[in-house]
Amino acid sequence: MYAVVARFEVRPEAVEEFDALARWRITEAARNEPGLVAYAVHRVDGEPLARVFYEIYRDREAFREHRATPQTAEFLARHAQYVQGSPRMELLEPLHTAGRLTDTPV
């Protein structure tokens, strides 16, 4: 298992457009990426312009495959017009898991 957290600060005038782009991206990932375990976009409580993407992949290779898709290239080309600054990305390797995630080989 391999996970990514990415935080975006959305421009106030572009919230609807960014959220639509994010919805499109996760739909495409679910449809086309067999190594994807989970992909969610969150609004941060108390920070209406913050969006956090939480992504879980089968392994590092599945994440590399995700990064190489045309959909990722399109998202990366389009998102900058809707956000303030660069996203903060964190790449995560699991130490401990519980629940359904324990069925995913580490």
PDB file of N, CA and C in Angstrom:
ATOM      1  N   MET A   1       0.845  -1.171   0.000  1.00  0.00           N
ATOM      2  CA  MET A   1       0.000   0.000   0.000  1.00  0.00           C
ATOM      3  C   MET A   1       0.892   1.237   0.000  1.00  0.00           C
ATOM      4  N   TYR A   2       0.413   2.284  -0.668  1.00  0.00           N
ATOM      5  CA  TYR A   2       1.131   3.551  -0.779  1.00  0.00           C
ATOM      6  C   TYR A   2       0.083   4.651  -0.839  1.00  0.00           C
ATOM      7  N   ALA A   3       0.313   5.748  -0.145  1.00  0.00           N
ATOM      8  CA  ALA A   3      -0.702   6.804  -0.094  1.00  0.00           C
ATOM      9  C   ALA A   3      -0.099   8.171  -0.379  1.00  0.00           C
ATOM     10  N   VAL A   4      -0.960   9.073  -0.798  1.00  0.00           N
ATOM     11  CA  VAL A   4      -0.576  10.448  -1.095  1.00  0.00           C
ATOM     12  C   VAL A   4      -1.623  11.371  -0.483  1.00  0.00           C
ATOM     13  N   VAL A   5      -1.154  12.457   0.114  1.00  0.00           N
ATOM     14  CA  VAL A   5      -2.033  13.530   0.569  1.00  0.00           C
ATOM     15  C   VAL A   5      -1.560  14.790  -0.136  1.00  0.00           C
ATOM     16  N   ALA A   6      -2.481  15.478  -0.796  1.00  0.00           N
ATOM     17  CA  ALA A   6      -2.149  16.736  -1.475  1.00  0.00           C
ATOM     18  C   ALA A   6      -3.151  17.789  -1.040  1.00  0.00           C
ATOM     19  N   ARG A   7      -2.640  18.931  -0.619  1.00  0.00           N
ATOM     20  CA  ARG A   7      -3.508  20.028  -0.162  1.00  0.00           C
ATOM     21  C   ARG A   7      -3.409  21.191  -1.137  1.00  0.00           C
ATOM     22  N   PHE A   8      -4.572  21.678  -1.552  1.00  0.00           N
ATOM     23  CA  PHE A   8      -4.679  22.803  -2.474  1.00  0.00           C
ATOM     24  C   PHE A   8      -5.419  23.941  -1.786  1.00  0.00           C
ATOM     25  N   GLU A   9      -4.994  25.165  -2.044  1.00  0.00           N
ATOM     26  CA  GLU A   9      -5.714  26.356  -1.597  1.00  0.00           C
ATOM     27  C   GLU A   9      -6.381  26.940  -2.838  1.00  0.00           C
ATOM     28  N   VAL A  10      -7.699  26.901  -2.871  1.00  0.00           N
ATOM     29  CA  VAL A  10      -8.463  27.290  -4.051  1.00  0.00           C
ATOM     30  C   VAL A  10      -8.736  28.799  -4.029  1.00  0.00           C
ATOM     31  N   ARG A  11      -8.669  29.404  -5.193  1.00  0.00           N
ATOM     32  CA  ARG A  11      -9.023  30.824  -5.326  1.00  0.00           C
ATOM     33  C   ARG A  11     -10.520  30.974  -5.030  1.00  0.00           C
ATOM     34  N   PRO A  12     -10.909  32.004  -4.285  1.00  0.00           N
ATOM     35  CA  PRO A  12     -12.321  32.152  -3.913  1.00  0.00           C
ATOM     36  C   PRO A  12     -13.270  32.160  -5.109  1.00  0.00           C
ATOM     37  N   GLU A  13     -12.850  32.736  -6.213  1.00  0.00           N
ATOM     38  CA  GLU A  13     -13.721  32.827  -7.391  1.00  0.00           C
ATOM     39  C   GLU A  13     -13.737  31.543  -8.224  1.00  0.00           C
ATOM     40  N   ALA A  14     -12.953  30.541  -7.830  1.00  0.00           N
ATOM     41  CA  ALA A  14     -12.810  29.342  -8.656  1.00  0.00           C
ATOM     42  C   ALA A  14     -13.204  28.050  -7.944  1.00  0.00           C
ATOM     43  N   VAL A  15     -13.901  28.158  -6.830  1.00  0.00           N
ATOM     44  CA  VAL A  15     -14.242  26.960  -6.050  1.00  0.00           C
ATOM     45  C   VAL A  15     -15.059  25.967  -6.874  1.00  0.00           C
ATOM     46  N   GLU A  16     -16.101  26.426  -7.525  1.00  0.00           N
ATOM     47  CA  GLU A  16     -16.945  25.509  -8.301  1.00  0.00           C
ATOM     48  C   GLU A  16     -16.170  24.827  -9.415  1.00  0.00           C
ATOM     49  N   GLU A  17     -15.337  25.584 -10.108  1.00  0.00           N
ATOM     50  CA  GLU A  17     -14.549  25.012 -11.208  1.00  0.00           C
ATOM     51  C   GLU A  17     -13.539  23.989 -10.698  1.00  0.00           C
ATOM     52  N   PHE A  18     -12.857  24.305  -9.589  1.00  0.00           N
ATOM     53  CA  PHE A  18     -11.887  23.361  -9.047  1.00  0.00           C
ATOM     54  C   PHE A  18     -12.588  22.096  -8.570  1.00  0.00           C
ATOM     55  N   ASP A  19     -13.694  22.267  -7.859  1.00  0.00           N
ATOM     56  CA  ASP A  19     -14.406  21.089  -7.363  1.00  0.00           C
ATOM     57  C   ASP A  19     -14.904  20.205  -8.508  1.00  0.00           C
ATOM     58  N   ALA A  20     -15.341  20.816  -9.607  1.00  0.00           N
ATOM     59  CA  ALA A  20     -15.772  20.032 -10.773  1.00  0.00           C
ATOM     60  C   ALA A  20     -14.580  19.285 -11.384  1.00  0.00           C
ATOM     61  N   LEU A  21     -13.434  19.956 -11.469  1.00  0.00           N
ATOM     62  CA  LEU A  21     -12.232  19.306 -11.997  1.00  0.00           C
ATOM     63  C   LEU A  21     -11.808  18.147 -11.090  1.00  0.00           C
ATOM     64  N   ALA A  22     -11.858  18.353  -9.787  1.00  0.00           N
ATOM     65  CA  ALA A  22     -11.493  17.295  -8.843  1.00  0.00           C
ATOM     66  C   ALA A  22     -12.444  16.107  -8.959  1.00  0.00           C
ATOM     67  N   ARG A  23     -13.744  16.394  -9.086  1.00  0.00           N
ATOM     68  CA  ARG A  23     -14.738  15.323  -9.243  1.00  0.00           C
ATOM     69  C   ARG A  23     -14.464  14.528 -10.519  1.00  0.00           C
ATOM     70  N   TRP A  24     -14.152  15.224 -11.615  1.00  0.00           N
ATOM     71  CA  TRP A  24     -13.805  14.548 -12.864  1.00  0.00           C
ATOM     72  C   TRP A  24     -12.572  13.666 -12.673  1.00  0.00           C
ATOM     73  N   ARG A  25     -11.553  14.199 -11.975  1.00  0.00           N
ATOM     74  CA  ARG A  25     -10.300  13.449 -11.818  1.00  0.00           C
ATOM     75  C   ARG A  25     -10.505  12.161 -11.044  1.00  0.00           C
ATOM     76  N   ILE A  26     -11.240  12.219  -9.940  1.00  0.00           N
ATOM     77  CA  ILE A  26     -11.405  10.985  -9.170  1.00  0.00           C
ATOM     78  C   ILE A  26     -12.309   9.989  -9.892  1.00  0.00           C
ATOM     79  N   THR A  27     -13.257  10.480 -10.671  1.00  0.00           N
ATOM     80  CA  THR A  27     -14.100   9.583 -11.466  1.00  0.00           C
ATOM     81  C   THR A  27     -13.257   8.852 -12.506  1.00  0.00           C
ATOM     82  N   GLU A  28     -12.387   9.583 -13.185  1.00  0.00           N
ATOM     83  CA  GLU A  28     -11.498   8.964 -14.179  1.00  0.00           C
ATOM     84  C   GLU A  28     -10.548   7.963 -13.525  1.00  0.00           C
ATOM     85  N   ALA A  29     -10.022   8.304 -12.366  1.00  0.00           N
ATOM     86  CA  ALA A  29      -9.121   7.380 -11.669  1.00  0.00           C
ATOM     87  C   ALA A  29      -9.848   6.089 -11.311  1.00  0.00           C
ATOM     88  N   ALA A  30     -11.052   6.217 -10.769  1.00  0.00           N
ATOM     89  CA  ALA A  30     -11.817   5.024 -10.390  1.00  0.00           C
ATOM     90  C   ALA A  30     -12.125   4.150 -11.603  1.00  0.00           C
ATOM     91  N   ARG A  31     -12.357   4.782 -12.741  1.00  0.00           N
ATOM     92  CA  ARG A  31     -12.724   4.065 -13.962  1.00  0.00           C
ATOM     93  C   ARG A  31     -11.516   3.402 -14.635  1.00  0.00           C
ATOM     94  N   ASN A  32     -10.331   4.011 -14.536  1.00  0.00           N
ATOM     95  CA  ASN A  32      -9.210   3.605 -15.379  1.00  0.00           C
ATOM     96  C   ASN A  32      -7.954   3.122 -14.669  1.00  0.00           C
ATOM     97  N   GLU A  33      -7.953   3.098 -13.344  1.00  0.00           N
ATOM     98  CA  GLU A  33      -6.715   2.759 -12.642  1.00  0.00           C
ATOM     99  C   GLU A  33      -6.924   1.562 -11.714  1.00  0.00           C
ATOM    100  N   PRO A  34      -6.564   0.364 -12.178  1.00  0.00           N
ATOM    101  CA  PRO A  34      -6.802  -0.832 -11.366  1.00  0.00           C
ATOM    102  C   PRO A  34      -5.985  -0.878 -10.071  1.00  0.00           C
ATOM    103  N   GLY A  35      -4.893  -0.130  -9.983  1.00  0.00           N
ATOM    104  CA  GLY A  35      -4.076  -0.123  -8.765  1.00  0.00           C
ATOM    105  C   GLY A  35      -4.558   0.843  -7.712  1.00  0.00           C
ATOM    106  N   LEU A  36      -5.649   1.546  -7.982  1.00  0.00           N
ATOM    107  CA  LEU A  36      -6.201   2.503  -7.030  1.00  0.00           C
ATOM    108  C   LEU A  36      -7.037   1.770  -5.981  1.00  0.00           C
ATOM    109  N   VAL A  37      -6.762   2.025  -4.720  1.00  0.00           N
ATOM    110  CA  VAL A  37      -7.532   1.444  -3.621  1.00  0.00           C
ATOM    111  C   VAL A  37      -8.616   2.422  -3.176  1.00  0.00           C
ATOM    112  N   ALA A  38      -8.268   3.698  -3.022  1.00  0.00           N
ATOM    113  CA  ALA A  38      -9.231   4.727  -2.608  1.00  0.00           C
ATOM    114  C   ALA A  38      -8.728   6.086  -3.050  1.00  0.00           C
ATOM    115  N   TYR A  39      -9.679   6.981  -3.342  1.00  0.00           N
ATOM    116  CA  TYR A  39      -9.335   8.335  -3.777  1.00  0.00           C
ATOM    117  C   TYR A  39     -10.475   9.229  -3.312  1.00  0.00           C
ATOM    118  N   ALA A  40     -10.172  10.203  -2.482  1.00  0.00           N
ATOM    119  CA  ALA A  40     -11.206  11.098  -1.955  1.00  0.00           C
ATOM    120  C   ALA A  40     -10.693  12.527  -1.951  1.00  0.00           C
ATOM    121  N   VAL A  41     -11.605  13.453  -2.165  1.00  0.00           N
ATOM    122  CA  VAL A  41     -11.296  14.874  -2.045  1.00  0.00           C
ATOM    123  C   VAL A  41     -12.114  15.391  -0.873  1.00  0.00           C
ATOM    124  N   HIS A  42     -11.439  16.103   0.030  1.00  0.00           N
ATOM    125  CA  HIS A  42     -12.086  16.607   1.233  1.00  0.00           C
ATOM    126  C   HIS A  42     -12.062  18.132   1.275  1.00  0.00           C
ATOM    127  N   ARG A  43     -13.103  18.711   1.841  1.00  0.00           N
ATOM    128  CA  ARG A  43     -13.110  20.126   2.212  1.00  0.00           C
ATOM    129  C   ARG A  43     -12.644  20.158   3.662  1.00  0.00           C
ATOM    130  N   VAL A  44     -11.797  21.105   4.011  1.00  0.00           N
ATOM    131  CA  VAL A  44     -11.265  21.191   5.365  1.00  0.00           C
ATOM    132  C   VAL A  44     -12.228  21.993   6.240  1.00  0.00           C
ATOM    133  N   ASP A  45     -12.626  21.419   7.344  1.00  0.00           N
ATOM    134  CA  ASP A  45     -13.543  22.075   8.267  1.00  0.00           C
ATOM    135  C   ASP A  45     -12.937  23.397   8.741  1.00  0.00           C
ATOM    136  N   GLY A  46     -13.679  24.476   8.574  1.00  0.00           N
ATOM    137  CA  GLY A  46     -13.223  25.787   8.998  1.00  0.00           C
ATOM    138  C   GLY A  46     -12.324  26.501   8.001  1.00  0.00           C
ATOM    139  N   GLU A  47     -11.995  25.849   6.896  1.00  0.00           N
ATOM    140  CA  GLU A  47     -11.155  26.445   5.857  1.00  0.00           C
ATOM    141  C   GLU A  47     -11.831  26.199   4.507  1.00  0.00           C
ATOM    142  N   PRO A  48     -12.808  27.009   4.147  1.00  0.00           N
ATOM    143  CA  PRO A  48     -13.643  26.726   2.974  1.00  0.00           C
ATOM    144  C   PRO A  48     -12.905  26.717   1.637  1.00  0.00           C
ATOM    145  N   LEU A  49     -11.706  27.255   1.576  1.00  0.00           N
ATOM    146  CA  LEU A  49     -10.958  27.262   0.314  1.00  0.00           C
ATOM    147  C   LEU A  49      -9.917  26.146   0.242  1.00  0.00           C
ATOM    148  N   ALA A  50      -9.771  25.371   1.292  1.00  0.00           N
ATOM    149  CA  ALA A  50      -8.782  24.287   1.302  1.00  0.00           C
ATOM    150  C   ALA A  50      -9.420  22.994   0.811  1.00  0.00           C
ATOM    151  N   ARG A  51      -8.694  22.280  -0.021  1.00  0.00           N
ATOM    152  CA  ARG A  51      -9.101  20.961  -0.496  1.00  0.00           C
ATOM    153  C   ARG A  51      -7.937  20.004  -0.269  1.00  0.00           C
ATOM    154  N   VAL A  52      -8.257  18.839   0.261  1.00  0.00           N
ATOM    155  CA  VAL A  52      -7.248  17.821   0.497  1.00  0.00           C
ATOM    156  C   VAL A  52      -7.624  16.570  -0.287  1.00  0.00           C
ATOM    157  N   PHE A  53      -6.701  16.128  -1.125  1.00  0.00           N
ATOM    158  CA  PHE A  53      -6.868  14.875  -1.854  1.00  0.00           C
ATOM    159  C   PHE A  53      -6.189  13.791  -1.024  1.00  0.00           C
ATOM    160  N   TYR A  54      -6.880  12.677  -0.816  1.00  0.00           N
ATOM    161  CA  TYR A  54      -6.311  11.539  -0.124  1.00  0.00           C
ATOM    162  C   TYR A  54      -6.415  10.355  -1.066  1.00  0.00           C
ATOM    163  N   GLU A  55      -5.269   9.790  -1.398  1.00  0.00           N
ATOM    164  CA  GLU A  55      -5.207   8.735  -2.404  1.00  0.00           C
ATOM    165  C   GLU A  55      -4.457   7.537  -1.830  1.00  0.00           C
ATOM    166  N   ILE A  56      -5.007   6.353  -2.036  1.00  0.00           N
ATOM    167  CA  ILE A  56      -4.341   5.126  -1.617  1.00  0.00           C
ATOM    168  C   ILE A  56      -4.198   4.225  -2.838  1.00  0.00           C
ATOM    169  N   TYR A  57      -2.994   3.726  -3.033  1.00  0.00           N
ATOM    170  CA  TYR A  57      -2.681   2.851  -4.163  1.00  0.00           C
ATOM    171  C   TYR A  57      -2.209   1.493  -3.652  1.00  0.00           C
ATOM    172  N   ARG A  58      -2.346   0.511  -4.484  1.00  0.00           N
ATOM    173  CA  ARG A  58      -1.914  -0.849  -4.154  1.00  0.00           C
ATOM    174  C   ARG A  58      -0.444  -0.856  -3.730  1.00  0.00           C
ATOM    175  N   ASP A  59       0.379  -0.095  -4.457  1.00  0.00           N
ATOM    176  CA  ASP A  59       1.818  -0.031  -4.181  1.00  0.00           C
ATOM    177  C   ASP A  59       2.400   1.172  -4.914  1.00  0.00           C
ATOM    178  N   ARG A  60       3.699   1.386  -4.788  1.00  0.00           N
ATOM    179  CA  ARG A  60       4.360   2.523  -5.453  1.00  0.00           C
ATOM    180  C   ARG A  60       4.204   2.474  -6.970  1.00  0.00           C
ATOM    181  N   GLU A  61       4.266   1.303  -7.516  1.00  0.00           N
ATOM    182  CA  GLU A  61       4.130   1.171  -8.970  1.00  0.00           C
ATOM    183  C   GLU A  61       2.750   1.642  -9.432  1.00  0.00           C
ATOM    184  N   ALA A  62       1.720   1.330  -8.689  1.00  0.00           N
ATOM    185  CA  ALA A  62       0.376   1.805  -9.042  1.00  0.00           C
ATOM    186  C   ALA A  62       0.317   3.328  -8.984  1.00  0.00           C
ATOM    187  N   PHE A  63       1.020   3.934  -8.025  1.00  0.00           N
ATOM    188  CA  PHE A  63       1.078   5.400  -7.973  1.00  0.00           C
ATOM    189  C   PHE A  63       1.826   5.948  -9.194  1.00  0.00           C
ATOM    190  N   ARG A  64       2.919   5.304  -9.579  1.00  0.00           N
ATOM    191  CA  ARG A  64       3.653   5.730 -10.785  1.00  0.00           C
ATOM    192  C   ARG A  64       2.747   5.644 -12.022  1.00  0.00           C
ATOM    193  N   GLU A  65       1.971   4.574 -12.101  1.00  0.00           N
ATOM    194  CA  GLU A  65       1.033   4.418 -13.219  1.00  0.00           C
ATOM    195  C   GLU A  65      -0.006   5.537 -13.206  1.00  0.00           C
ATOM    196  N   HIS A  66      -0.503   5.895 -12.026  1.00  0.00           N
ATOM    197  CA  HIS A  66      -1.450   7.005 -11.885  1.00  0.00           C
ATOM    198  C   HIS A  66      -0.837   8.295 -12.407  1.00  0.00           C
ATOM    199  N   ARG A  67       0.391   8.566 -12.029  1.00  0.00           N
ATOM    200  CA  ARG A  67       1.063   9.806 -12.449  1.00  0.00           C
ATOM    201  C   ARG A  67       1.289   9.851 -13.956  1.00  0.00           C
ATOM    202  N   ALA A  68       1.348   8.704 -14.601  1.00  0.00           N
ATOM    203  CA  ALA A  68       1.636   8.636 -16.038  1.00  0.00           C
ATOM    204  C   ALA A  68       0.380   8.683 -16.912  1.00  0.00           C
ATOM    205  N   THR A  69      -0.806   8.746 -16.319  1.00  0.00           N
ATOM    206  CA  THR A  69      -2.033   8.726 -17.128  1.00  0.00           C
ATOM    207  C   THR A  69      -2.283  10.064 -17.811  1.00  0.00           C
ATOM    208  N   PRO A  70      -2.958  10.038 -18.937  1.00  0.00           N
ATOM    209  CA  PRO A  70      -3.347  11.297 -19.591  1.00  0.00           C
ATOM    210  C   PRO A  70      -4.252  12.150 -18.700  1.00  0.00           C
ATOM    211  N   GLN A  71      -5.057  11.502 -17.853  1.00  0.00           N
ATOM    212  CA  GLN A  71      -5.952  12.241 -16.964  1.00  0.00           C
ATOM    213  C   GLN A  71      -5.165  13.039 -15.925  1.00  0.00           C
ATOM    214  N   THR A  72      -4.080  12.462 -15.418  1.00  0.00           N
ATOM    215  CA  THR A  72      -3.239  13.208 -14.479  1.00  0.00           C
ATOM    216  C   THR A  72      -2.594  14.386 -15.191  1.00  0.00           C
ATOM    217  N   ALA A  73      -2.101  14.170 -16.393  1.00  0.00           N
ATOM    218  CA  ALA A  73      -1.502  15.271 -17.157  1.00  0.00           C
ATOM    219  C   ALA A  73      -2.517  16.386 -17.380  1.00  0.00           C
ATOM    220  N   GLU A  74      -3.746  16.021 -17.710  1.00  0.00           N
ATOM    221  CA  GLU A  74      -4.772  17.041 -17.919  1.00  0.00           C
ATOM    222  C   GLU A  74      -5.096  17.781 -16.626  1.00  0.00           C
ATOM    223  N   PHE A  75      -5.225  17.051 -15.524  1.00  0.00           N
ATOM    224  CA  PHE A  75      -5.493  17.707 -14.248  1.00  0.00           C
ATOM    225  C   PHE A  75      -4.367  18.682 -13.909  1.00  0.00           C
ATOM    226  N   LEU A  76      -3.134  18.247 -14.061  1.00  0.00           N
ATOM    227  CA  LEU A  76      -1.995  19.107 -13.739  1.00  0.00           C
ATOM    228  C   LEU A  76      -1.944  20.344 -14.634  1.00  0.00           C
ATOM    229  N   ALA A  77      -2.357  20.202 -15.876  1.00  0.00           N
ATOM    230  CA  ALA A  77      -2.358  21.345 -16.798  1.00  0.00           C
ATOM    231  C   ALA A  77      -3.477  22.330 -16.468  1.00  0.00           C
ATOM    232  N   ARG A  78      -4.590  21.836 -15.947  1.00  0.00           N
ATOM    233  CA  ARG A  78      -5.761  22.693 -15.742  1.00  0.00           C
ATOM    234  C   ARG A  78      -5.899  23.264 -14.335  1.00  0.00           C
ATOM    235  N   HIS A  79      -5.392  22.587 -13.312  1.00  0.00           N
ATOM    236  CA  HIS A  79      -5.698  22.990 -11.937  1.00  0.00           C
ATOM    237  C   HIS A  79      -5.075  24.317 -11.527  1.00  0.00           C
ATOM    238  N   ALA A  80      -3.931  24.668 -12.083  1.00  0.00           N
ATOM    239  CA  ALA A  80      -3.182  25.851 -11.631  1.00  0.00           C
ATOM    240  C   ALA A  80      -3.995  27.139 -11.726  1.00  0.00           C
ATOM    241  N   GLN A  81      -4.871  27.229 -12.693  1.00  0.00           N
ATOM    242  CA  GLN A  81      -5.678  28.443 -12.847  1.00  0.00           C
ATOM    243  C   GLN A  81      -6.696  28.619 -11.717  1.00  0.00           C
ATOM    244  N   TYR A  82      -6.954  27.566 -10.967  1.00  0.00           N
ATOM    245  CA  TYR A  82      -7.970  27.604  -9.920  1.00  0.00           C
ATOM    246  C   TYR A  82      -7.407  27.710  -8.502  1.00  0.00           C
ATOM    247  N   VAL A  83      -6.100  27.576  -8.349  1.00  0.00           N
ATOM    248  CA  VAL A  83      -5.511  27.517  -7.008  1.00  0.00           C
ATOM    249  C   VAL A  83      -4.532  28.659  -6.758  1.00  0.00           C
ATOM    250  N   GLN A  84      -4.254  28.852  -5.482  1.00  0.00           N
ATOM    251  CA  GLN A  84      -3.273  29.835  -5.044  1.00  0.00           C
ATOM    252  C   GLN A  84      -2.009  29.084  -4.638  1.00  0.00           C
ATOM    253  N   GLY A  85      -0.928  29.304  -5.348  1.00  0.00           N
ATOM    254  CA  GLY A  85       0.331  28.637  -5.015  1.00  0.00           C
ATOM    255  C   GLY A  85       0.363  27.186  -5.439  1.00  0.00           C
ATOM    256  N   SER A  86       1.423  26.531  -5.030  1.00  0.00           N
ATOM    257  CA  SER A  86       1.620  25.112  -5.345  1.00  0.00           C
ATOM    258  C   SER A  86       0.956  24.249  -4.284  1.00  0.00           C
ATOM    259  N   PRO A  87       0.491  23.066  -4.672  1.00  0.00           N
ATOM    260  CA  PRO A  87      -0.076  22.169  -3.666  1.00  0.00           C
ATOM    261  C   PRO A  87       1.012  21.649  -2.737  1.00  0.00           C
ATOM    262  N   ARG A  88       0.607  21.299  -1.547  1.00  0.00           N
ATOM    263  CA  ARG A  88       1.532  20.625  -0.629  1.00  0.00           C
ATOM    264  C   ARG A  88       1.268  19.138  -0.750  1.00  0.00           C
ATOM    265  N   MET A  89       2.281  18.394  -1.151  1.00  0.00           N
ATOM    266  CA  MET A  89       2.126  16.951  -1.335  1.00  0.00           C
ATOM    267  C   MET A  89       2.969  16.204  -0.325  1.00  0.00           C
ATOM    268  N   GLU A  90       2.384  15.141   0.219  1.00  0.00           N
ATOM    269  CA  GLU A  90       3.095  14.246   1.114  1.00  0.00           C
ATOM    270  C   GLU A  90       2.900  12.827   0.620  1.00  0.00           C
ATOM    271  N   LEU A  91       3.992  12.095   0.462  1.00  0.00           N
ATOM    272  CA  LEU A  91       3.955  10.703   0.034  1.00  0.00           C
ATOM    273  C   LEU A  91       4.090   9.850   1.285  1.00  0.00           C
ATOM    274  N   LEU A  92       3.184   8.896   1.446  1.00  0.00           N
ATOM    275  CA  LEU A  92       3.067   8.163   2.706  1.00  0.00           C
ATOM    276  C   LEU A  92       3.266   6.670   2.527  1.00  0.00           C
ATOM    277  N   GLU A  93       4.056   6.091   3.414  1.00  0.00           N
ATOM    278  CA  GLU A  93       4.194   4.644   3.480  1.00  0.00           C
ATOM    279  C   GLU A  93       3.606   4.181   4.808  1.00  0.00           C
ATOM    280  N   PRO A  94       2.774   3.145   4.802  1.00  0.00           N
ATOM    281  CA  PRO A  94       2.083   2.752   6.031  1.00  0.00           C
ATOM    282  C   PRO A  94       3.018   2.120   7.063  1.00  0.00           C
ATOM    283  N   LEU A  95       2.717   2.437   8.312  1.00  0.00           N
ATOM    284  CA  LEU A  95       3.361   1.755   9.432  1.00  0.00           C
ATOM    285  C   LEU A  95       2.394   0.755  10.048  1.00  0.00           C
ATOM    286  N   HIS A  96       1.137   1.184  10.229  1.00  0.00           N
ATOM    287  CA  HIS A  96       0.107   0.353  10.836  1.00  0.00           C
ATOM    288  C   HIS A  96      -1.209   0.655  10.122  1.00  0.00           C
ATOM    289  N   THR A  97      -2.018  -0.342   9.930  1.00  0.00           N
ATOM    290  CA  THR A  97      -3.336  -0.142   9.325  1.00  0.00           C
ATOM    291  C   THR A  97      -4.372  -0.932  10.105  1.00  0.00           C
ATOM    292  N   ALA A  98      -5.619  -0.556   9.908  1.00  0.00           N
ATOM    293  CA  ALA A  98      -6.727  -1.267  10.546  1.00  0.00           C
ATOM    294  C   ALA A  98      -7.902  -1.271   9.577  1.00  0.00           C
ATOM    295  N   GLY A  99      -8.888  -2.058   9.872  1.00  0.00           N
ATOM    296  CA  GLY A  99     -10.075  -2.101   9.021  1.00  0.00           C
ATOM    297  C   GLY A  99      -9.793  -2.764   7.697  1.00  0.00           C
ATOM    298  N   ARG A 100     -10.484  -2.321   6.676  1.00  0.00           N
ATOM    299  CA  ARG A 100     -10.372  -2.940   5.347  1.00  0.00           C
ATOM    300  C   ARG A 100      -8.994  -2.774   4.736  1.00  0.00           C
ATOM    301  N   LEU A 101      -8.260  -1.769   5.169  1.00  0.00           N
ATOM    302  CA  LEU A 101      -6.937  -1.555   4.594  1.00  0.00           C
ATOM    303  C   LEU A 101      -5.972  -2.689   4.932  1.00  0.00           C
ATOM    304  N   THR A 102      -6.252  -3.453   5.971  1.00  0.00           N
ATOM    305  CA  THR A 102      -5.362  -4.542   6.324  1.00  0.00           C
ATOM    306  C   THR A 102      -5.394  -5.658   5.290  1.00  0.00           C
ATOM    307  N   ASP A 103      -6.427  -5.683   4.432  1.00  0.00           N
ATOM    308  CA  ASP A 103      -6.501  -6.696   3.384  1.00  0.00           C
ATOM    309  C   ASP A 103      -5.604  -6.356   2.204  1.00  0.00           C
ATOM    310  N   THR A 104      -5.086  -5.127   2.169  1.00  0.00           N
ATOM    311  CA  THR A 104      -4.217  -4.710   1.077  1.00  0.00           C
ATOM    312  C   THR A 104      -2.797  -5.101   1.413  1.00  0.00           C
ATOM    313  N   PRO A 105      -2.110  -5.881   0.564  1.00  0.00           N
ATOM    314  CA  PRO A 105      -0.745  -6.284   0.895  1.00  0.00           C
ATOM    315  C   PRO A 105       0.186  -5.086   0.956  1.00  0.00           C
ATOM    316  N   VAL A 106       1.060  -5.116   1.937  1.00  0.00           N
ATOM    317  CA  VAL A 106       2.052  -4.053   2.119  1.00  0.00           C
ATOM    318  C   VAL A 106       3.363  -4.491   1.529  1.00  0.00           C
TER     319      VAL A 106
END
